[in-house]
Each structure stands twice: as C-alpha cells, then as structure tokens.
Amino acid sequence: MLDDIWEQFLLCIASNDEVKEVSNKLICGVIFLYIQPLVPQKSEAFIKNIVITCSKQYTTQYKLIYRIEFVRAEQNILIFRHRFYVPNQKMFCCGNGCINCTRFRK
C-alpha cells in the first residue's frame, strides 16, 4: 500500500509547475527526495511547501503521518529526507485483552 502512496505522491510533486524533475532514492533504509526546481533560484522553503501540500493529501486520505527534513542543495537539486509513518495507535481489537484496547476508547 505504501508503494502506491509513494507513486501517487511523486506524481503529485512532479505535476507541480514549479518542479522540473523529482526522484527518490532509498539509502540505508532512509528515503531521500531529489527535487530539481524549474527555476534554480527557488528557495528550499518554497519547494518544501510543495512537498508538504502533496504529503497532506495522503495523510488526510489515509491514516499516515509524514516527516520531512531538508538535507542539502547540490547542483540546483534540493535533497530532502521524507518518510510516511503508519501511526502507532491500535486500530482494531486483536482479542488478546490489551490494556490499550480500542474497545475501551470513548
């Protein structure tokens, strides 16, 4: 499921008029986004807002949490560390009588 979300997420970023190219790389278990803005002078904060907007689409649609951090800029390419998290909160009753069971929530 996360692979489908990542694919849609990257398409969302790529479809933005301010982004020339976007790709992701998995390095040591961490996913990095490589984003080349259409105009090289675009700030890191401006591109980060585009990524946040696309991230929010999928965190509200699915029960996910995201985290994004700017790493560095290299030859007109902005590099971000990005991750989608599945929440740690229990979503259903497993039948083991846990103290944090969903049956006890109001």
C-alpha atoms as a PDB file:
ATOM      1  CA  MET A   1       0.000   0.000   0.000  1.00  0.00           C
ATOM      2  CA  LEU A   2       2.806   2.433   0.838  1.00  0.00           C
ATOM      3  CA  ASP A   3       4.362   1.830  -2.594  1.00  0.00           C
ATOM      4  CA  ASP A   4       1.146   3.031  -4.251  1.00  0.00           C
ATOM      5  CA  ILE A   5       1.052   6.088  -1.996  1.00  0.00           C
ATOM      6  CA  TRP A   6       4.679   6.893  -2.811  1.00  0.00           C
ATOM      7  CA  GLU A   7       3.964   6.597  -6.531  1.00  0.00           C
ATOM      8  CA  GLN A   8       0.970   8.952  -6.290  1.00  0.00           C
ATOM      9  CA  PHE A   9       2.926  11.289  -4.015  1.00  0.00           C
ATOM     10  CA  LEU A  10       5.814  11.587  -6.503  1.00  0.00           C
ATOM     11  CA  LEU A  11       3.337  12.197  -9.331  1.00  0.00           C
ATOM     12  CA  CYS A  12       1.735  14.964  -7.272  1.00  0.00           C
ATOM     13  CA  ILE A  13       5.098  16.706  -6.841  1.00  0.00           C
ATOM     14  CA  ALA A  14       6.073  16.174 -10.495  1.00  0.00           C
ATOM     15  CA  SER A  15       2.780  17.648 -11.700  1.00  0.00           C
ATOM     16  CA  ASN A  16       3.543  20.966  -9.993  1.00  0.00           C
ATOM     17  CA  ASP A  17       4.506  23.721 -12.452  1.00  0.00           C
ATOM     18  CA  GLU A  18       7.452  24.815 -10.311  1.00  0.00           C
ATOM     19  CA  VAL A  19       9.136  21.374 -10.330  1.00  0.00           C
ATOM     20  CA  LYS A  20      11.242  20.263 -13.267  1.00  0.00           C
ATOM     21  CA  GLU A  21      12.162  16.786 -12.022  1.00  0.00           C
ATOM     22  CA  VAL A  22      11.657  14.654  -8.922  1.00  0.00           C
ATOM     23  CA  SER A  23      13.051  11.276  -7.908  1.00  0.00           C
ATOM     24  CA  ASN A  24      13.579   9.274  -4.753  1.00  0.00           C
ATOM     25  CA  LYS A  25      16.401   7.042  -3.555  1.00  0.00           C
ATOM     26  CA  LEU A  26      16.475   4.548  -0.723  1.00  0.00           C
ATOM     27  CA  ILE A  27      19.822   4.812   1.075  1.00  0.00           C
ATOM     28  CA  CYS A  28      20.417   2.733   4.226  1.00  0.00           C
ATOM     29  CA  GLY A  29      16.670   2.397   4.806  1.00  0.00           C
ATOM     30  CA  VAL A  30      16.027   6.145   4.518  1.00  0.00           C
ATOM     31  CA  ILE A  31      14.156   7.643   1.558  1.00  0.00           C
ATOM     32  CA  PHE A  32      15.580  10.817   0.069  1.00  0.00           C
ATOM     33  CA  LEU A  33      13.718  13.077  -2.358  1.00  0.00           C
ATOM     34  CA  TYR A  34      15.754  14.747  -5.100  1.00  0.00           C
ATOM     35  CA  ILE A  35      13.827  17.716  -6.460  1.00  0.00           C
ATOM     36  CA  GLN A  36      15.008  19.969  -9.256  1.00  0.00           C
ATOM     37  CA  PRO A  37      13.026  23.217  -9.374  1.00  0.00           C
ATOM     38  CA  LEU A  38      12.124  24.702 -12.747  1.00  0.00           C
ATOM     39  CA  VAL A  39      13.751  27.966 -11.658  1.00  0.00           C
ATOM     40  CA  PRO A  40      17.050  27.249  -9.829  1.00  0.00           C
ATOM     41  CA  GLN A  41      16.624  30.315  -7.591  1.00  0.00           C
ATOM     42  CA  LYS A  42      13.530  28.882  -5.868  1.00  0.00           C
ATOM     43  CA  SER A  43      14.109  28.637  -2.137  1.00  0.00           C
ATOM     44  CA  GLU A  44      14.206  25.469  -0.098  1.00  0.00           C
ATOM     45  CA  ALA A  45      11.163  26.669   1.883  1.00  0.00           C
ATOM     46  CA  PHE A  46       9.122  27.201  -1.289  1.00  0.00           C
ATOM     47  CA  ILE A  47       9.823  23.673  -2.588  1.00  0.00           C
ATOM     48  CA  LYS A  48       9.296  22.231   0.894  1.00  0.00           C
ATOM     49  CA  ASN A  49       5.795  23.771   0.921  1.00  0.00           C
ATOM     50  CA  ILE A  50       5.009  21.948  -2.335  1.00  0.00           C
ATOM     51  CA  VAL A  51       6.144  18.656  -0.770  1.00  0.00           C
ATOM     52  CA  ILE A  52       4.117  19.363   2.384  1.00  0.00           C
ATOM     53  CA  THR A  53       0.998  20.110   0.315  1.00  0.00           C
ATOM     54  CA  CYS A  54       1.311  16.774  -1.502  1.00  0.00           C
ATOM     55  CA  SER A  55       2.096  14.961   1.770  1.00  0.00           C
ATOM     56  CA  LYS A  56      -1.029  16.366   3.423  1.00  0.00           C
ATOM     57  CA  GLN A  57      -3.185  14.991   0.600  1.00  0.00           C
ATOM     58  CA  TYR A  58      -2.211  11.439   1.508  1.00  0.00           C
ATOM     59  CA  THR A  59      -2.025  11.824   5.276  1.00  0.00           C
ATOM     60  CA  THR A  60      -5.624  13.040   5.380  1.00  0.00           C
ATOM     61  CA  GLN A  61      -6.823  10.485   2.842  1.00  0.00           C
ATOM     62  CA  TYR A  62      -5.061   7.571   4.594  1.00  0.00           C
ATOM     63  CA  LYS A  63      -4.138   7.261   8.245  1.00  0.00           C
ATOM     64  CA  LEU A  64      -0.485   8.246   7.846  1.00  0.00           C
ATOM     65  CA  ILE A  65       1.950  10.684   9.401  1.00  0.00           C
ATOM     66  CA  TYR A  66       4.761  12.317   7.430  1.00  0.00           C
ATOM     67  CA  ARG A  67       8.104  13.826   8.336  1.00  0.00           C
ATOM     68  CA  ILE A  68      10.231  15.941   6.013  1.00  0.00           C
ATOM     69  CA  GLU A  69      13.664  17.473   6.596  1.00  0.00           C
ATOM     70  CA  PHE A  70      15.833  19.491   4.246  1.00  0.00           C
ATOM     71  CA  VAL A  71      19.256  17.861   3.855  1.00  0.00           C
ATOM     72  CA  ARG A  72      21.205  19.932   1.327  1.00  0.00           C
ATOM     73  CA  ALA A  73      21.237  21.614  -2.068  1.00  0.00           C
ATOM     74  CA  GLU A  74      23.529  20.189  -4.725  1.00  0.00           C
ATOM     75  CA  GLN A  75      23.870  21.489  -8.309  1.00  0.00           C
ATOM     76  CA  ASN A  76      20.350  23.016  -8.480  1.00  0.00           C
ATOM     77  CA  ILE A  77      18.852  19.910  -6.849  1.00  0.00           C
ATOM     78  CA  LEU A  78      17.261  20.120  -3.410  1.00  0.00           C
ATOM     79  CA  ILE A  79      17.545  16.976  -1.292  1.00  0.00           C
ATOM     80  CA  PHE A  80      15.002  16.178   1.420  1.00  0.00           C
ATOM     81  CA  ARG A  81      14.653  13.263   3.822  1.00  0.00           C
ATOM     82  CA  HIS A  82      10.998  12.207   3.691  1.00  0.00           C
ATOM     83  CA  ARG A  83       9.078   9.442   5.383  1.00  0.00           C
ATOM     84  CA  PHE A  84       5.489   8.311   5.730  1.00  0.00           C
ATOM     85  CA  TYR A  85       4.726   6.670   9.077  1.00  0.00           C
ATOM     86  CA  VAL A  86       1.871   4.384   9.993  1.00  0.00           C
ATOM     87  CA  PRO A  87       0.512   5.565  13.371  1.00  0.00           C
ATOM     88  CA  ASN A  88       1.423   3.539  16.452  1.00  0.00           C
ATOM     89  CA  GLN A  89      -2.104   3.726  17.821  1.00  0.00           C
ATOM     90  CA  LYS A  90      -4.042   0.459  17.751  1.00  0.00           C
ATOM     91  CA  MET A  91      -6.655   0.480  15.000  1.00  0.00           C
ATOM     92  CA  PHE A  92      -8.607  -2.692  15.888  1.00  0.00           C
ATOM     93  CA  CYS A  93      -9.139  -5.209  18.678  1.00  0.00           C
ATOM     94  CA  CYS A  94      -6.757  -8.182  18.425  1.00  0.00           C
ATOM     95  CA  GLY A  95      -8.658 -10.217  21.032  1.00  0.00           C
ATOM     96  CA  ASN A  96      -5.748 -10.504  23.492  1.00  0.00           C
ATOM     97  CA  GLY A  97      -7.335  -8.296  26.180  1.00  0.00           C
ATOM     98  CA  CYS A  98      -4.729  -5.494  25.943  1.00  0.00           C
ATOM     99  CA  ILE A  99      -4.980  -2.513  28.313  1.00  0.00           C
ATOM    100  CA  ASN A 100      -4.981  -0.066  25.377  1.00  0.00           C
ATOM    101  CA  CYS A 101      -7.709  -1.955  23.511  1.00  0.00           C
ATOM    102  CA  THR A 102      -9.843   0.000  21.062  1.00  0.00           C
ATOM    103  CA  ARG A 103     -12.948  -1.311  22.842  1.00  0.00           C
ATOM    104  CA  PHE A 104     -12.134   0.908  25.852  1.00  0.00           C
ATOM    105  CA  ARG A 105     -11.942   4.174  23.855  1.00  0.00           C
ATOM    106  CA  LYS A 106     -14.742   6.689  24.003  1.00  0.00           C
END
